[in-house]
Amino acid sequence: MAATRAARTAPRTAPLSAAELRQEVAAVLGALPDALPADAHLVHLGLGSLEMMRLVTRWRRQGLPADFAELAAAPTLDDWHRHLTLAWHARTGEVA
């Protein structure tokens, strides 16, 4: 369990890929990653604000500049991936 926790909070060297994001959200929802459409409203699929905050906290610990309000305002995998990628590149000064 400690190794799993360490892996979830290890600093990242790149933003989350779309596949990693889908995997993490699916795990929280107890769903198969392939069962989550990229444009599906995650709240309608059962993702609550507490789960969202836990994901944001995990990502921040990994160095991802996740913004809870931004994610809550547009709760789809496509929008989250776009937000996380743009925020990462803005933080690092890289061009997306």
PDB file of N, CA and C in Angstrom:
ATOM      1  N   MET A   1       0.824  -1.184   0.000  1.00  0.00           N
ATOM      2  CA  MET A   1       0.000   0.000   0.000  1.00  0.00           C
ATOM      3  C   MET A   1       0.872   1.252   0.000  1.00  0.00           C
ATOM      4  N   ALA A   2       1.944   1.269   0.764  1.00  0.00           N
ATOM      5  CA  ALA A   2       2.827   2.432   0.802  1.00  0.00           C
ATOM      6  C   ALA A   2       3.443   2.688  -0.566  1.00  0.00           C
ATOM      7  N   ALA A   3       3.797   1.631  -1.289  1.00  0.00           N
ATOM      8  CA  ALA A   3       4.376   1.795  -2.623  1.00  0.00           C
ATOM      9  C   ALA A   3       3.348   2.393  -3.579  1.00  0.00           C
ATOM     10  N   THR A   4       2.101   1.978  -3.468  1.00  0.00           N
ATOM     11  CA  THR A   4       1.038   2.516  -4.310  1.00  0.00           C
ATOM     12  C   THR A   4       0.835   3.987  -4.012  1.00  0.00           C
ATOM     13  N   ARG A   5       0.808   4.354  -2.732  1.00  0.00           N
ATOM     14  CA  ARG A   5       0.630   5.748  -2.346  1.00  0.00           C
ATOM     15  C   ARG A   5       1.801   6.593  -2.854  1.00  0.00           C
ATOM     16  N   ALA A   6       3.009   6.084  -2.740  1.00  0.00           N
ATOM     17  CA  ALA A   6       4.187   6.819  -3.206  1.00  0.00           C
ATOM     18  C   ALA A   6       4.122   7.034  -4.714  1.00  0.00           C
ATOM     19  N   ALA A   7       3.676   6.035  -5.454  1.00  0.00           N
ATOM     20  CA  ALA A   7       3.566   6.161  -6.904  1.00  0.00           C
ATOM     21  C   ALA A   7       2.524   7.206  -7.285  1.00  0.00           C
ATOM     22  N   ARG A   8       1.459   7.305  -6.505  1.00  0.00           N
ATOM     23  CA  ARG A   8       0.406   8.272  -6.807  1.00  0.00           C
ATOM     24  C   ARG A   8       0.831   9.697  -6.494  1.00  0.00           C
ATOM     25  N   THR A   9       1.812   9.876  -5.619  1.00  0.00           N
ATOM     26  CA  THR A   9       2.210  11.225  -5.226  1.00  0.00           C
ATOM     27  C   THR A   9       3.617  11.594  -5.690  1.00  0.00           C
ATOM     28  N   ALA A  10       4.276  10.735  -6.446  1.00  0.00           N
ATOM     29  CA  ALA A  10       5.610  11.048  -6.953  1.00  0.00           C
ATOM     30  C   ALA A  10       5.519  12.226  -7.914  1.00  0.00           C
ATOM     31  N   PRO A  11       6.488  13.137  -7.866  1.00  0.00           N
ATOM     32  CA  PRO A  11       6.467  14.290  -8.770  1.00  0.00           C
ATOM     33  C   PRO A  11       6.466  13.845 -10.233  1.00  0.00           C
ATOM     34  N   ARG A  12       5.672  14.516 -11.039  1.00  0.00           N
ATOM     35  CA  ARG A  12       5.575  14.189 -12.458  1.00  0.00           C
ATOM     36  C   ARG A  12       6.585  14.997 -13.247  1.00  0.00           C
ATOM     37  N   THR A  13       6.966  14.454 -14.385  1.00  0.00           N
ATOM     38  CA  THR A  13       7.862  15.160 -15.285  1.00  0.00           C
ATOM     39  C   THR A  13       7.141  15.553 -16.574  1.00  0.00           C
ATOM     40  N   ALA A  14       5.860  15.211 -16.658  1.00  0.00           N
ATOM     41  CA  ALA A  14       5.040  15.537 -17.824  1.00  0.00           C
ATOM     42  C   ALA A  14       3.581  15.585 -17.380  1.00  0.00           C
ATOM     43  N   PRO A  15       2.740  16.261 -18.146  1.00  0.00           N
ATOM     44  CA  PRO A  15       1.318  16.287 -17.775  1.00  0.00           C
ATOM     45  C   PRO A  15       0.696  14.898 -17.930  1.00  0.00           C
ATOM     46  N   LEU A  16      -0.478  14.723 -17.351  1.00  0.00           N
ATOM     47  CA  LEU A  16      -1.198  13.467 -17.500  1.00  0.00           C
ATOM     48  C   LEU A  16      -1.561  13.255 -18.959  1.00  0.00           C
ATOM     49  N   SER A  17      -1.380  12.052 -19.430  1.00  0.00           N
ATOM     50  CA  SER A  17      -1.863  11.733 -20.772  1.00  0.00           C
ATOM     51  C   SER A  17      -3.371  11.507 -20.676  1.00  0.00           C
ATOM     52  N   ALA A  18      -4.047  11.524 -21.802  1.00  0.00           N
ATOM     53  CA  ALA A  18      -5.493  11.272 -21.815  1.00  0.00           C
ATOM     54  C   ALA A  18      -5.789   9.885 -21.251  1.00  0.00           C
ATOM     55  N   ALA A  19      -4.939   8.917 -21.562  1.00  0.00           N
ATOM     56  CA  ALA A  19      -5.145   7.551 -21.073  1.00  0.00           C
ATOM     57  C   ALA A  19      -4.951   7.470 -19.555  1.00  0.00           C
ATOM     58  N   GLU A  20      -3.940   8.173 -19.019  1.00  0.00           N
ATOM     59  CA  GLU A  20      -3.722   8.183 -17.572  1.00  0.00           C
ATOM     60  C   GLU A  20      -4.897   8.845 -16.849  1.00  0.00           C
ATOM     61  N   LEU A  21      -5.371   9.943 -17.400  1.00  0.00           N
ATOM     62  CA  LEU A  21      -6.509  10.636 -16.814  1.00  0.00           C
ATOM     63  C   LEU A  21      -7.732   9.729 -16.792  1.00  0.00           C
ATOM     64  N   ARG A  22      -8.018   9.080 -17.914  1.00  0.00           N
ATOM     65  CA  ARG A  22      -9.165   8.168 -18.002  1.00  0.00           C
ATOM     66  C   ARG A  22      -9.027   7.041 -16.976  1.00  0.00           C
ATOM     67  N   GLN A  23      -7.827   6.499 -16.823  1.00  0.00           N
ATOM     68  CA  GLN A  23      -7.572   5.407 -15.875  1.00  0.00           C
ATOM     69  C   GLN A  23      -7.838   5.870 -14.440  1.00  0.00           C
ATOM     70  N   GLU A  24      -7.339   7.047 -14.074  1.00  0.00           N
ATOM     71  CA  GLU A  24      -7.509   7.543 -12.707  1.00  0.00           C
ATOM     72  C   GLU A  24      -8.969   7.838 -12.393  1.00  0.00           C
ATOM     73  N   VAL A  25      -9.667   8.470 -13.322  1.00  0.00           N
ATOM     74  CA  VAL A  25     -11.075   8.790 -13.092  1.00  0.00           C
ATOM     75  C   VAL A  25     -11.901   7.502 -13.055  1.00  0.00           C
ATOM     76  N   ALA A  26     -11.607   6.567 -13.929  1.00  0.00           N
ATOM     77  CA  ALA A  26     -12.332   5.298 -13.934  1.00  0.00           C
ATOM     78  C   ALA A  26     -12.147   4.565 -12.612  1.00  0.00           C
ATOM     79  N   ALA A  27     -10.948   4.590 -12.068  1.00  0.00           N
ATOM     80  CA  ALA A  27     -10.690   3.925 -10.787  1.00  0.00           C
ATOM     81  C   ALA A  27     -11.531   4.546  -9.674  1.00  0.00           C
ATOM     82  N   VAL A  28     -11.650   5.860  -9.677  1.00  0.00           N
ATOM     83  CA  VAL A  28     -12.456   6.543  -8.660  1.00  0.00           C
ATOM     84  C   VAL A  28     -13.936   6.187  -8.821  1.00  0.00           C
ATOM     85  N   LEU A  29     -14.384   6.074 -10.063  1.00  0.00           N
ATOM     86  CA  LEU A  29     -15.786   5.750 -10.327  1.00  0.00           C
ATOM     87  C   LEU A  29     -16.084   4.260 -10.209  1.00  0.00           C
ATOM     88  N   GLY A  30     -15.047   3.437 -10.148  1.00  0.00           N
ATOM     89  CA  GLY A  30     -15.262   1.991 -10.128  1.00  0.00           C
ATOM     90  C   GLY A  30     -15.750   1.481 -11.467  1.00  0.00           C
ATOM     91  N   ALA A  31     -15.254   2.113 -12.539  1.00  0.00           N
ATOM     92  CA  ALA A  31     -15.668   1.748 -13.892  1.00  0.00           C
ATOM     93  C   ALA A  31     -14.458   1.300 -14.700  1.00  0.00           C
ATOM     94  N   LEU A  32     -14.722   0.691 -15.817  1.00  0.00           N
ATOM     95  CA  LEU A  32     -13.650   0.348 -16.747  1.00  0.00           C
ATOM     96  C   LEU A  32     -13.292   1.599 -17.542  1.00  0.00           C
ATOM     97  N   PRO A  33     -12.012   1.853 -17.744  1.00  0.00           N
ATOM     98  CA  PRO A  33     -11.610   3.062 -18.482  1.00  0.00           C
ATOM     99  C   PRO A  33     -12.276   3.184 -19.851  1.00  0.00           C
ATOM    100  N   ASP A  34     -12.401   2.077 -20.562  1.00  0.00           N
ATOM    101  CA  ASP A  34     -13.000   2.123 -21.899  1.00  0.00           C
ATOM    102  C   ASP A  34     -14.486   2.444 -21.865  1.00  0.00           C
ATOM    103  N   ALA A  35     -15.108   2.359 -20.676  1.00  0.00           N
ATOM    104  CA  ALA A  35     -16.535   2.643 -20.551  1.00  0.00           C
ATOM    105  C   ALA A  35     -16.822   4.127 -20.351  1.00  0.00           C
ATOM    106  N   LEU A  36     -15.766   4.952 -20.240  1.00  0.00           N
ATOM    107  CA  LEU A  36     -15.952   6.387 -20.014  1.00  0.00           C
ATOM    108  C   LEU A  36     -15.765   7.162 -21.315  1.00  0.00           C
ATOM    109  N   PRO A  37     -16.847   7.661 -21.887  1.00  0.00           N
ATOM    110  CA  PRO A  37     -16.698   8.505 -23.080  1.00  0.00           C
ATOM    111  C   PRO A  37     -15.980   9.803 -22.713  1.00  0.00           C
ATOM    112  N   ALA A  38     -15.145  10.287 -23.599  1.00  0.00           N
ATOM    113  CA  ALA A  38     -14.353  11.483 -23.329  1.00  0.00           C
ATOM    114  C   ALA A  38     -15.207  12.725 -23.131  1.00  0.00           C
ATOM    115  N   ASP A  39     -16.422  12.719 -23.683  1.00  0.00           N
ATOM    116  CA  ASP A  39     -17.287  13.884 -23.569  1.00  0.00           C
ATOM    117  C   ASP A  39     -18.424  13.701 -22.571  1.00  0.00           C
ATOM    118  N   ALA A  40     -18.410  12.605 -21.813  1.00  0.00           N
ATOM    119  CA  ALA A  40     -19.474  12.343 -20.839  1.00  0.00           C
ATOM    120  C   ALA A  40     -19.327  13.255 -19.627  1.00  0.00           C
ATOM    121  N   HIS A  41     -20.434  13.716 -19.100  1.00  0.00           N
ATOM    122  CA  HIS A  41     -20.470  14.562 -17.901  1.00  0.00           C
ATOM    123  C   HIS A  41     -20.148  13.659 -16.708  1.00  0.00           C
ATOM    124  N   LEU A  42     -18.986  13.855 -16.094  1.00  0.00           N
ATOM    125  CA  LEU A  42     -18.516  12.951 -15.045  1.00  0.00           C
ATOM    126  C   LEU A  42     -19.395  12.968 -13.800  1.00  0.00           C
ATOM    127  N   VAL A  43     -20.024  14.096 -13.519  1.00  0.00           N
ATOM    128  CA  VAL A  43     -20.938  14.160 -12.371  1.00  0.00           C
ATOM    129  C   VAL A  43     -22.142  13.269 -12.633  1.00  0.00           C
ATOM    130  N   HIS A  44     -22.632  13.269 -13.856  1.00  0.00           N
ATOM    131  CA  HIS A  44     -23.770  12.409 -14.206  1.00  0.00           C
ATOM    132  C   HIS A  44     -23.395  10.935 -14.139  1.00  0.00           C
ATOM    133  N   LEU A  45     -22.105  10.642 -14.243  1.00  0.00           N
ATOM    134  CA  LEU A  45     -21.642   9.258 -14.126  1.00  0.00           C
ATOM    135  C   LEU A  45     -21.358   8.863 -12.678  1.00  0.00           C
ATOM    136  N   GLY A  46     -21.526   9.807 -11.747  1.00  0.00           N
ATOM    137  CA  GLY A  46     -21.370   9.486 -10.333  1.00  0.00           C
ATOM    138  C   GLY A  46     -20.189  10.119  -9.627  1.00  0.00           C
ATOM    139  N   LEU A  47     -19.417  10.958 -10.312  1.00  0.00           N
ATOM    140  CA  LEU A  47     -18.276  11.603  -9.676  1.00  0.00           C
ATOM    141  C   LEU A  47     -18.766  12.785  -8.845  1.00  0.00           C
ATOM    142  N   GLY A  48     -18.521  12.718  -7.552  1.00  0.00           N
ATOM    143  CA  GLY A  48     -18.944  13.783  -6.654  1.00  0.00           C
ATOM    144  C   GLY A  48     -17.837  14.782  -6.394  1.00  0.00           C
ATOM    145  N   SER A  49     -18.184  15.852  -5.708  1.00  0.00           N
ATOM    146  CA  SER A  49     -17.210  16.905  -5.435  1.00  0.00           C
ATOM    147  C   SER A  49     -16.087  16.408  -4.531  1.00  0.00           C
ATOM    148  N   LEU A  50     -16.396  15.509  -3.616  1.00  0.00           N
ATOM    149  CA  LEU A  50     -15.347  14.978  -2.732  1.00  0.00           C
ATOM    150  C   LEU A  50     -14.326  14.173  -3.536  1.00  0.00           C
ATOM    151  N   GLU A  51     -14.805  13.349  -4.449  1.00  0.00           N
ATOM    152  CA  GLU A  51     -13.891  12.578  -5.297  1.00  0.00           C
ATOM    153  C   GLU A  51     -13.067  13.506  -6.197  1.00  0.00           C
ATOM    154  N   MET A  52     -13.724  14.554  -6.698  1.00  0.00           N
ATOM    155  CA  MET A  52     -13.012  15.525  -7.517  1.00  0.00           C
ATOM    156  C   MET A  52     -11.889  16.187  -6.724  1.00  0.00           C
ATOM    157  N   MET A  53     -12.190  16.567  -5.490  1.00  0.00           N
ATOM    158  CA  MET A  53     -11.190  17.223  -4.649  1.00  0.00           C
ATOM    159  C   MET A  53     -10.041  16.267  -4.336  1.00  0.00           C
ATOM    160  N   ARG A  54     -10.348  15.004  -4.137  1.00  0.00           N
ATOM    161  CA  ARG A  54      -9.282  14.024  -3.888  1.00  0.00           C
ATOM    162  C   ARG A  54      -8.367  13.887  -5.099  1.00  0.00           C
ATOM    163  N   LEU A  55      -8.946  13.879  -6.293  1.00  0.00           N
ATOM    164  CA  LEU A  55      -8.129  13.815  -7.508  1.00  0.00           C
ATOM    165  C   LEU A  55      -7.263  15.067  -7.630  1.00  0.00           C
ATOM    166  N   VAL A  56      -7.861  16.228  -7.404  1.00  0.00           N
ATOM    167  CA  VAL A  56      -7.111  17.487  -7.484  1.00  0.00           C
ATOM    168  C   VAL A  56      -5.957  17.482  -6.486  1.00  0.00           C
ATOM    169  N   THR A  57      -6.228  17.037  -5.264  1.00  0.00           N
ATOM    170  CA  THR A  57      -5.183  16.979  -4.234  1.00  0.00           C
ATOM    171  C   THR A  57      -4.057  16.046  -4.659  1.00  0.00           C
ATOM    172  N   ARG A  58      -4.408  14.892  -5.182  1.00  0.00           N
ATOM    173  CA  ARG A  58      -3.391  13.930  -5.649  1.00  0.00           C
ATOM    174  C   ARG A  58      -2.553  14.546  -6.756  1.00  0.00           C
ATOM    175  N   TRP A  59      -3.209  15.182  -7.724  1.00  0.00           N
ATOM    176  CA  TRP A  59      -2.477  15.762  -8.846  1.00  0.00           C
ATOM    177  C   TRP A  59      -1.589  16.914  -8.401  1.00  0.00           C
ATOM    178  N   ARG A  60      -2.078  17.725  -7.474  1.00  0.00           N
ATOM    179  CA  ARG A  60      -1.242  18.825  -6.963  1.00  0.00           C
ATOM    180  C   ARG A  60      -0.002  18.280  -6.260  1.00  0.00           C
ATOM    181  N   ARG A  61      -0.167  17.203  -5.514  1.00  0.00           N
ATOM    182  CA  ARG A  61       0.988  16.589  -4.846  1.00  0.00           C
ATOM    183  C   ARG A  61       1.999  16.067  -5.851  1.00  0.00           C
ATOM    184  N   GLN A  62       1.529  15.722  -7.034  1.00  0.00           N
ATOM    185  CA  GLN A  62       2.412  15.252  -8.101  1.00  0.00           C
ATOM    186  C   GLN A  62       3.014  16.408  -8.887  1.00  0.00           C
ATOM    187  N   GLY A  63       2.608  17.627  -8.560  1.00  0.00           N
ATOM    188  CA  GLY A  63       3.131  18.786  -9.266  1.00  0.00           C
ATOM    189  C   GLY A  63       2.274  19.273 -10.414  1.00  0.00           C
ATOM    190  N   LEU A  64       1.091  18.683 -10.574  1.00  0.00           N
ATOM    191  CA  LEU A  64       0.183  19.139 -11.629  1.00  0.00           C
ATOM    192  C   LEU A  64      -0.634  20.314 -11.111  1.00  0.00           C
ATOM    193  N   PRO A  65      -0.670  21.418 -11.821  1.00  0.00           N
ATOM    194  CA  PRO A  65      -1.407  22.595 -11.360  1.00  0.00           C
ATOM    195  C   PRO A  65      -2.901  22.481 -11.654  1.00  0.00           C
ATOM    196  N   ALA A  66      -3.580  21.598 -10.940  1.00  0.00           N
ATOM    197  CA  ALA A  66      -5.012  21.375 -11.141  1.00  0.00           C
ATOM    198  C   ALA A  66      -5.813  22.412 -10.372  1.00  0.00           C
ATOM    199  N   ASP A  67      -6.856  22.929 -10.997  1.00  0.00           N
ATOM    200  CA  ASP A  67      -7.718  23.924 -10.382  1.00  0.00           C
ATOM    201  C   ASP A  67      -9.116  23.311 -10.213  1.00  0.00           C
ATOM    202  N   PHE A  68      -9.527  23.118  -8.964  1.00  0.00           N
ATOM    203  CA  PHE A  68     -10.807  22.468  -8.675  1.00  0.00           C
ATOM    204  C   PHE A  68     -11.965  23.178  -9.373  1.00  0.00           C
ATOM    205  N   ALA A  69     -12.026  24.499  -9.268  1.00  0.00           N
ATOM    206  CA  ALA A  69     -13.145  25.245  -9.855  1.00  0.00           C
ATOM    207  C   ALA A  69     -13.215  25.060 -11.369  1.00  0.00           C
ATOM    208  N   GLU A  70     -12.063  25.060 -12.023  1.00  0.00           N
ATOM    209  CA  GLU A  70     -12.026  24.849 -13.479  1.00  0.00           C
ATOM    210  C   GLU A  70     -12.533  23.458 -13.845  1.00  0.00           C
ATOM    211  N   LEU A  71     -12.091  22.465 -13.082  1.00  0.00           N
ATOM    212  CA  LEU A  71     -12.508  21.093 -13.377  1.00  0.00           C
ATOM    213  C   LEU A  71     -13.991  20.894 -13.090  1.00  0.00           C
ATOM    214  N   ALA A  72     -14.479  21.469 -11.999  1.00  0.00           N
ATOM    215  CA  ALA A  72     -15.892  21.331 -11.646  1.00  0.00           C
ATOM    216  C   ALA A  72     -16.792  22.031 -12.659  1.00  0.00           C
ATOM    217  N   ALA A  73     -16.304  23.112 -13.253  1.00  0.00           N
ATOM    218  CA  ALA A  73     -17.101  23.867 -14.222  1.00  0.00           C
ATOM    219  C   ALA A  73     -17.268  23.136 -15.548  1.00  0.00           C
ATOM    220  N   ALA A  74     -16.366  22.241 -15.869  1.00  0.00           N
ATOM    221  CA  ALA A  74     -16.406  21.512 -17.140  1.00  0.00           C
ATOM    222  C   ALA A  74     -15.993  20.062 -16.884  1.00  0.00           C
ATOM    223  N   PRO A  75     -16.891  19.272 -16.281  1.00  0.00           N
ATOM    224  CA  PRO A  75     -16.514  17.916 -15.851  1.00  0.00           C
ATOM    225  C   PRO A  75     -16.603  16.836 -16.930  1.00  0.00           C
ATOM    226  N   THR A  76     -15.746  16.951 -17.932  1.00  0.00           N
ATOM    227  CA  THR A  76     -15.601  15.872 -18.911  1.00  0.00           C
ATOM    228  C   THR A  76     -14.120  15.544 -19.015  1.00  0.00           C
ATOM    229  N   LEU A  77     -13.805  14.349 -19.456  1.00  0.00           N
ATOM    230  CA  LEU A  77     -12.404  13.970 -19.616  1.00  0.00           C
ATOM    231  C   LEU A  77     -11.700  14.876 -20.621  1.00  0.00           C
ATOM    232  N   ASP A  78     -12.378  15.205 -21.714  1.00  0.00           N
ATOM    233  CA  ASP A  78     -11.774  16.086 -22.719  1.00  0.00           C
ATOM    234  C   ASP A  78     -11.409  17.442 -22.119  1.00  0.00           C
ATOM    235  N   ASP A  79     -12.354  18.041 -21.394  1.00  0.00           N
ATOM    236  CA  ASP A  79     -12.094  19.350 -20.790  1.00  0.00           C
ATOM    237  C   ASP A  79     -11.029  19.276 -19.713  1.00  0.00           C
ATOM    238  N   TRP A  80     -11.052  18.227 -18.916  1.00  0.00           N
ATOM    239  CA  TRP A  80     -10.044  18.075 -17.863  1.00  0.00           C
ATOM    240  C   TRP A  80      -8.658  17.908 -18.472  1.00  0.00           C
ATOM    241  N   HIS A  81      -8.558  17.106 -19.494  1.00  0.00           N
ATOM    242  CA  HIS A  81      -7.252  16.891 -20.124  1.00  0.00           C
ATOM    243  C   HIS A  81      -6.730  18.205 -20.707  1.00  0.00           C
ATOM    244  N   ARG A  82      -7.603  18.948 -21.357  1.00  0.00           N
ATOM    245  CA  ARG A  82      -7.219  20.241 -21.917  1.00  0.00           C
ATOM    246  C   ARG A  82      -6.736  21.184 -20.801  1.00  0.00           C
ATOM    247  N   HIS A  83      -7.513  21.283 -19.714  1.00  0.00           N
ATOM    248  CA  HIS A  83      -7.146  22.162 -18.597  1.00  0.00           C
ATOM    249  C   HIS A  83      -5.799  21.753 -17.994  1.00  0.00           C
ATOM    250  N   LEU A  84      -5.647  20.471 -17.694  1.00  0.00           N
ATOM    251  CA  LEU A  84      -4.420  19.999 -17.039  1.00  0.00           C
ATOM    252  C   LEU A  84      -3.197  20.189 -17.932  1.00  0.00           C
ATOM    253  N   THR A  85      -3.356  19.953 -19.217  1.00  0.00           N
ATOM    254  CA  THR A  85      -2.242  20.105 -20.151  1.00  0.00           C
ATOM    255  C   THR A  85      -1.852  21.573 -20.301  1.00  0.00           C
ATOM    256  N   LEU A  86      -2.841  22.448 -20.473  1.00  0.00           N
ATOM    257  CA  LEU A  86      -2.549  23.878 -20.601  1.00  0.00           C
ATOM    258  C   LEU A  86      -1.937  24.436 -19.322  1.00  0.00           C
ATOM    259  N   ALA A  87      -2.464  24.024 -18.177  1.00  0.00           N
ATOM    260  CA  ALA A  87      -1.930  24.494 -16.895  1.00  0.00           C
ATOM    261  C   ALA A  87      -0.496  24.013 -16.702  1.00  0.00           C
ATOM    262  N   TRP A  88      -0.212  22.790 -17.103  1.00  0.00           N
ATOM    263  CA  TRP A  88       1.143  22.254 -16.988  1.00  0.00           C
ATOM    264  C   TRP A  88       2.110  23.088 -17.828  1.00  0.00           C
ATOM    265  N   HIS A  89       1.727  23.324 -19.071  1.00  0.00           N
ATOM    266  CA  HIS A  89       2.611  24.058 -19.970  1.00  0.00           C
ATOM    267  C   HIS A  89       2.762  25.520 -19.536  1.00  0.00           C
ATOM    268  N   ALA A  90       1.715  26.110 -19.000  1.00  0.00           N
ATOM    269  CA  ALA A  90       1.820  27.480 -18.490  1.00  0.00           C
ATOM    270  C   ALA A  90       2.776  27.535 -17.294  1.00  0.00           C
ATOM    271  N   ARG A  91       2.723  26.514 -16.464  1.00  0.00           N
ATOM    272  CA  ARG A  91       3.596  26.473 -15.281  1.00  0.00           C
ATOM    273  C   ARG A  91       5.047  26.260 -15.666  1.00  0.00           C
ATOM    274  N   THR A  92       5.272  25.415 -16.646  1.00  0.00           N
ATOM    275  CA  THR A  92       6.651  25.069 -17.020  1.00  0.00           C
ATOM    276  C   THR A  92       7.210  25.994 -18.098  1.00  0.00           C
ATOM    277  N   GLY A  93       6.356  26.795 -18.720  1.00  0.00           N
ATOM    278  CA  GLY A  93       6.805  27.686 -19.779  1.00  0.00           C
ATOM    279  C   GLY A  93       6.978  26.986 -21.110  1.00  0.00           C
ATOM    280  N   GLU A  94       6.505  25.743 -21.197  1.00  0.00           N
ATOM    281  CA  GLU A  94       6.588  24.989 -22.452  1.00  0.00           C
ATOM    282  C   GLU A  94       5.427  25.387 -23.359  1.00  0.00           C
ATOM    283  N   VAL A  95       5.591  25.157 -24.631  1.00  0.00           N
ATOM    284  CA  VAL A  95       4.520  25.380 -25.592  1.00  0.00           C
ATOM    285  C   VAL A  95       3.778  24.067 -25.777  1.00  0.00           C
ATOM    286  N   ALA A  96       2.461  24.121 -25.674  1.00  0.00           N
ATOM    287  CA  ALA A  96       1.641  22.901 -25.783  1.00  0.00           C
ATOM    288  C   ALA A  96       1.586  22.411 -27.214  1.00  0.00           C
TER     289      ALA A  96
END
